[in-house]
Amino acid sequence: MPIHASVKHPHDDAPDTTDAFRRLATLPDGPERDAVRDRVVEAWLPMAERLAGRFRSRGESYEDLRQVAALGLVKAVDRYDPERGNAFESYAVPTITGEIKRHFRDHMWTLHVPRRVQELRNRVRFAGQDLSQTTPGRRPTVTEIAERADLSEEDVRVGLEALESFTALSLDAELPGSEDGYSLGDALGAPDPALDTVVDREAVKDRLAALPPRERAILYMRFFDDMTQSRIAEQLGISQMHVSRLISRCCDRVREQVLRDPDQEA
């Protein structure tokens, strides 16, 4: 059964497949139905490719977009019900477009981005494109985009940020203006080991303050003034062995108190 374009449609590439769809609805599964279905899909491929072309500037290859659009077309052909009285094109266009958008959402974002942010990105982008026609020579302001897209200025800023975050930058990427191969990874900080010292000091501060004055003085001289045990013993008039025992006893006591205290564990 030939498929022709004798009926007027919104686009020149829209064929008249009314009879073919009616026949598909009556045919059982088998080679004959598959042949009619294939002819319908082939007849509408130019429209699917035209829709794919609208997304060419978004970082995906046109060939991949064509394949995704063709998949959406096949789904539209399989799901279309001619008895509902709607033209196939009015059903197929949103189906194919939705398939392409899902492709971008599921495969093109390097990081998972909430759907709301993706929708804000699209609304901001479309509003910016519209405004660029009326604001030549400059970029539309946040306020102008918010008015055009019917969004708050905060939502516009989120959308604008998402426009610049479609892909992630490699940590090995050379920083702009760098002439010595300095990469983004080189600019990232590393965990500061001194932070653990701060935590430990805060944990033992109250316990050290509760020690008898002589033991507290011995610990201060040993760990803050960096004095040897012999020098501490000489200054206090006691034996080095006594100093060693006092340091060990104090450290064990403070450690045991810190580990036992439920407030420190929390």
Protein backbone atom coordinates (compact mmCIF):
# COMPACT_ATOMS: atom_id res chain seq x y z
CA MET A 1 0.00 0.00 0.00
CA PRO A 2 1.66 3.28 -1.04
CA ILE A 3 1.91 6.17 1.39
CA HIS A 4 1.42 9.56 -0.21
CA ALA A 5 1.19 13.21 0.77
CA SER A 6 -2.08 14.27 -0.85
CA VAL A 7 -3.45 15.73 2.39
CA LYS A 8 -2.25 19.11 3.70
CA HIS A 9 -0.14 18.98 6.87
CA PRO A 10 1.72 21.58 8.95
CA HIS A 11 5.02 20.54 7.35
CA ASP A 12 5.91 19.44 3.83
CA ASP A 13 7.60 16.31 5.20
CA ALA A 14 4.38 15.07 6.87
CA PRO A 15 2.95 12.17 4.81
CA ASP A 16 -0.65 11.00 4.77
CA THR A 17 -0.60 7.74 6.73
CA THR A 18 -4.21 7.71 7.89
CA ASP A 19 -5.12 4.57 5.97
CA ALA A 20 -1.90 2.84 7.00
CA PHE A 21 -2.62 3.42 10.69
CA ARG A 22 -6.16 2.13 10.30
CA ARG A 23 -4.78 -0.98 8.66
CA LEU A 24 -2.20 -1.42 11.43
CA ALA A 25 -5.00 -1.39 13.98
CA THR A 26 -6.68 -4.36 12.28
CA LEU A 27 -3.67 -6.50 11.40
CA PRO A 28 -2.49 -9.25 13.75
CA ASP A 29 1.17 -9.54 14.68
CA GLY A 30 3.16 -10.97 11.81
CA PRO A 31 5.20 -10.13 8.70
CA GLU A 32 2.42 -8.17 7.00
CA ARG A 33 1.87 -5.90 9.99
CA ASP A 34 5.63 -5.44 10.44
CA ALA A 35 5.94 -4.37 6.79
CA VAL A 36 3.18 -1.76 7.10
CA ARG A 37 4.69 -0.50 10.38
CA ASP A 38 8.14 -0.18 8.80
CA ARG A 39 6.72 1.85 5.89
CA VAL A 40 4.95 4.21 8.30
CA VAL A 41 8.13 4.73 10.34
CA GLU A 42 10.16 5.34 7.18
CA ALA A 43 7.59 7.85 5.93
CA TRP A 44 7.81 9.90 9.14
CA LEU A 45 11.59 9.75 9.59
CA PRO A 46 12.16 13.18 7.97
CA MET A 47 9.99 14.76 10.66
CA ALA A 48 11.88 12.92 13.42
CA GLU A 49 15.20 14.09 11.99
CA ARG A 50 13.91 17.65 11.81
CA LEU A 51 13.05 17.49 15.52
CA ALA A 52 16.48 16.05 16.30
CA GLY A 53 18.04 19.00 14.48
CA ARG A 54 16.56 21.41 17.02
CA PHE A 55 18.89 19.96 19.66
CA ARG A 56 22.11 19.99 17.62
CA SER A 57 23.79 22.79 19.61
CA ARG A 58 23.58 21.07 23.01
CA GLY A 59 26.77 19.04 22.97
CA GLU A 60 25.47 15.76 21.52
CA SER A 61 26.30 14.44 18.06
CA TYR A 62 23.59 14.79 15.45
CA GLU A 63 23.83 11.11 14.53
CA ASP A 64 23.07 10.08 18.12
CA LEU A 65 20.18 12.54 18.23
CA ARG A 66 18.78 11.06 15.02
CA GLN A 67 18.85 7.58 16.54
CA VAL A 68 17.10 8.77 19.70
CA ALA A 69 14.48 10.60 17.62
CA ALA A 70 13.94 7.47 15.51
CA LEU A 71 13.40 5.47 18.69
CA GLY A 72 10.83 8.02 19.84
CA LEU A 73 9.12 7.78 16.44
CA VAL A 74 8.86 3.99 16.71
CA LYS A 75 7.30 4.35 20.16
CA ALA A 76 4.84 6.91 18.80
CA VAL A 77 3.83 4.64 15.91
CA ASP A 78 3.30 1.69 18.26
CA ARG A 79 1.23 3.69 20.76
CA TYR A 80 -0.82 5.83 18.40
CA ASP A 81 -4.56 5.12 18.33
CA PRO A 82 -6.22 6.54 15.18
CA GLU A 83 -9.68 6.00 16.72
CA ARG A 84 -9.12 8.94 19.07
CA GLY A 85 -9.36 11.30 16.13
CA ASN A 86 -6.07 13.17 16.67
CA ALA A 87 -3.57 13.60 13.84
CA PHE A 88 -0.50 11.42 14.22
CA GLU A 89 1.85 14.39 14.01
CA SER A 90 0.25 16.08 17.03
CA TYR A 91 0.89 12.88 19.01
CA ALA A 92 4.32 12.07 17.62
CA VAL A 93 6.00 15.46 18.09
CA PRO A 94 5.78 15.54 21.91
CA THR A 95 6.61 11.84 22.09
CA ILE A 96 9.79 12.23 20.04
CA THR A 97 10.78 15.47 21.77
CA GLY A 98 10.27 13.86 25.17
CA GLU A 99 12.48 10.95 24.17
CA ILE A 100 15.26 13.34 23.15
CA LYS A 101 14.96 15.31 26.39
CA ARG A 102 15.12 12.11 28.42
CA HIS A 103 18.28 11.20 26.54
CA PHE A 104 19.90 14.46 27.61
CA ARG A 105 18.68 14.06 31.17
CA ASP A 106 19.85 10.46 31.55
CA HIS A 107 23.03 10.39 29.46
CA MET A 108 24.48 13.86 28.95
CA TRP A 109 24.72 15.27 32.48
CA THR A 110 28.03 14.24 34.03
CA LEU A 111 26.59 14.64 37.51
CA HIS A 112 23.06 13.86 38.61
CA VAL A 113 21.05 17.08 38.58
CA PRO A 114 17.53 17.29 40.06
CA ARG A 115 14.81 17.48 37.43
CA ARG A 116 13.65 20.84 38.81
CA VAL A 117 17.09 22.34 38.16
CA GLN A 118 17.08 20.93 34.62
CA GLU A 119 13.66 22.47 34.00
CA LEU A 120 14.86 25.84 35.36
CA ARG A 121 17.87 25.59 33.05
CA ASN A 122 15.63 25.07 30.03
CA ARG A 123 13.24 27.89 30.93
CA VAL A 124 16.13 30.28 31.53
CA ARG A 125 17.79 29.26 28.26
CA PHE A 126 14.62 29.74 26.21
CA ALA A 127 13.90 33.08 27.86
CA GLY A 128 17.47 34.19 27.20
CA GLN A 129 17.19 33.22 23.54
CA ASP A 130 13.93 35.18 23.19
CA LEU A 131 15.37 38.25 24.90
CA SER A 132 18.53 38.17 22.80
CA GLN A 133 16.33 39.23 19.87
CA THR A 134 15.31 42.42 21.69
CA THR A 135 18.54 43.22 23.58
CA PRO A 136 21.22 43.22 20.85
CA GLY A 137 24.78 43.85 21.93
CA ARG A 138 24.35 42.71 25.53
CA ARG A 139 23.23 39.74 27.58
CA PRO A 140 19.78 39.87 29.19
CA THR A 141 19.83 40.70 32.89
CA VAL A 142 18.62 38.37 35.62
CA THR A 143 15.61 40.61 36.18
CA GLU A 144 14.68 40.56 32.49
CA ILE A 145 14.97 36.77 32.30
CA ALA A 146 12.90 36.39 35.47
CA GLU A 147 10.11 38.52 34.00
CA ARG A 148 10.14 36.69 30.68
CA ALA A 149 10.27 33.18 32.20
CA ASP A 150 7.89 34.03 35.08
CA LEU A 151 10.48 32.92 37.61
CA SER A 152 12.00 34.42 40.71
CA GLU A 153 15.44 35.95 40.35
CA GLU A 154 16.83 33.25 42.66
CA ASP A 155 15.46 30.52 40.35
CA VAL A 156 16.99 32.33 37.38
CA ARG A 157 20.39 32.29 39.06
CA VAL A 158 20.03 28.55 39.68
CA GLY A 159 19.14 28.04 36.02
CA LEU A 160 22.05 30.17 34.84
CA GLU A 161 24.45 28.20 37.01
CA ALA A 162 23.07 24.96 35.57
CA LEU A 163 23.69 26.31 32.06
CA GLU A 164 27.39 26.38 32.87
CA SER A 165 27.38 22.98 34.62
CA PHE A 166 26.38 20.61 31.85
CA THR A 167 29.68 18.75 32.08
CA ALA A 168 32.27 18.36 34.82
CA LEU A 169 35.79 19.73 34.51
CA SER A 170 38.55 17.18 34.88
CA LEU A 171 40.88 17.66 37.84
CA ASP A 172 43.73 17.21 35.36
CA ALA A 173 42.52 20.12 33.21
CA GLU A 174 45.07 22.92 32.96
CA LEU A 175 43.88 26.14 34.56
CA PRO A 176 43.25 29.08 32.20
CA GLY A 177 46.31 31.29 31.91
CA SER A 178 48.62 28.64 33.33
CA GLU A 179 51.86 28.21 31.40
CA ASP A 180 53.47 25.53 33.57
CA GLY A 181 50.82 22.80 33.36
CA TYR A 182 49.24 23.82 36.68
CA SER A 183 45.96 21.86 36.89
CA LEU A 184 42.77 22.23 38.86
CA GLY A 185 43.80 19.30 41.03
CA ASP A 186 46.96 21.19 42.02
CA ALA A 187 44.82 24.02 43.34
CA LEU A 188 42.71 21.84 45.63
CA GLY A 189 43.50 21.74 49.29
CA ALA A 190 44.35 18.65 51.31
CA PRO A 191 43.19 17.59 54.79
CA ASP A 192 45.09 19.57 57.41
CA PRO A 193 46.64 17.19 59.96
CA ALA A 194 46.59 20.02 62.49
CA LEU A 195 42.80 19.69 62.65
CA ASP A 196 43.19 16.40 64.50
CA THR A 197 45.43 18.17 66.99
CA VAL A 198 42.75 20.79 67.61
CA VAL A 199 40.16 18.07 68.26
CA ASP A 200 42.49 16.25 70.64
CA ARG A 201 43.35 19.41 72.55
CA GLU A 202 39.71 20.32 73.01
CA ALA A 203 38.96 16.81 74.20
CA VAL A 204 41.61 16.84 76.94
CA LYS A 205 41.45 20.52 77.94
CA ASP A 206 39.00 20.10 80.82
CA ARG A 207 40.75 16.95 82.07
CA LEU A 208 44.14 18.63 82.11
CA ALA A 209 42.68 21.58 84.02
CA ALA A 210 41.44 19.15 86.69
CA LEU A 211 44.90 17.66 87.33
CA PRO A 212 46.90 18.63 90.45
CA PRO A 213 49.15 21.69 89.81
CA ARG A 214 52.43 19.74 89.85
CA GLU A 215 51.25 17.13 87.32
CA ARG A 216 49.80 19.85 85.13
CA ALA A 217 53.11 21.74 85.23
CA ILE A 218 55.06 18.61 84.34
CA LEU A 219 52.88 17.92 81.29
CA TYR A 220 53.15 21.53 80.19
CA MET A 221 56.94 21.52 80.44
CA ARG A 222 57.20 18.19 78.60
CA PHE A 223 54.72 18.71 75.74
CA PHE A 224 54.55 22.50 75.33
CA ASP A 225 58.00 23.67 76.40
CA ASP A 226 59.57 20.51 74.88
CA MET A 227 61.77 19.95 77.95
CA THR A 228 63.47 16.61 78.52
CA GLN A 229 62.55 14.47 81.52
CA SER A 230 66.01 15.03 82.99
CA ARG A 231 65.63 18.81 82.86
CA ILE A 232 62.14 18.64 84.36
CA ALA A 233 63.45 16.44 87.18
CA GLU A 234 66.30 18.88 87.82
CA GLN A 235 63.94 21.88 87.93
CA LEU A 236 61.48 20.18 90.32
CA GLY A 237 64.12 18.46 92.45
CA ILE A 238 62.85 14.95 91.83
CA SER A 239 64.22 11.91 90.00
CA GLN A 240 63.86 11.40 86.28
CA MET A 241 62.17 8.03 86.98
CA HIS A 242 59.57 9.83 89.10
CA VAL A 243 58.93 12.31 86.29
CA SER A 244 58.50 9.45 83.81
CA ARG A 245 55.98 7.71 86.08
CA LEU A 246 54.00 10.91 86.64
CA ILE A 247 53.79 11.63 82.89
CA SER A 248 52.65 8.07 82.08
CA ARG A 249 50.09 8.08 84.91
CA CYS A 250 48.63 11.45 83.91
CA CYS A 251 48.39 10.55 80.23
CA ASP A 252 46.70 7.22 81.00
CA ARG A 253 44.20 8.92 83.31
CA VAL A 254 43.27 11.64 80.85
CA ARG A 255 43.00 9.15 77.98
CA GLU A 256 40.74 6.88 80.02
CA GLN A 257 38.50 9.79 81.02
CA VAL A 258 38.13 11.03 77.44
CA LEU A 259 37.28 7.58 76.08
CA ARG A 260 34.79 6.94 78.88
CA ASP A 261 32.97 10.28 78.65
CA PRO A 262 29.78 9.85 76.52
CA ASP A 263 29.78 13.57 75.64
CA GLN A 264 33.13 13.15 73.90
CA GLU A 265 31.89 10.09 72.01
CA ALA A 266 28.89 12.04 70.71
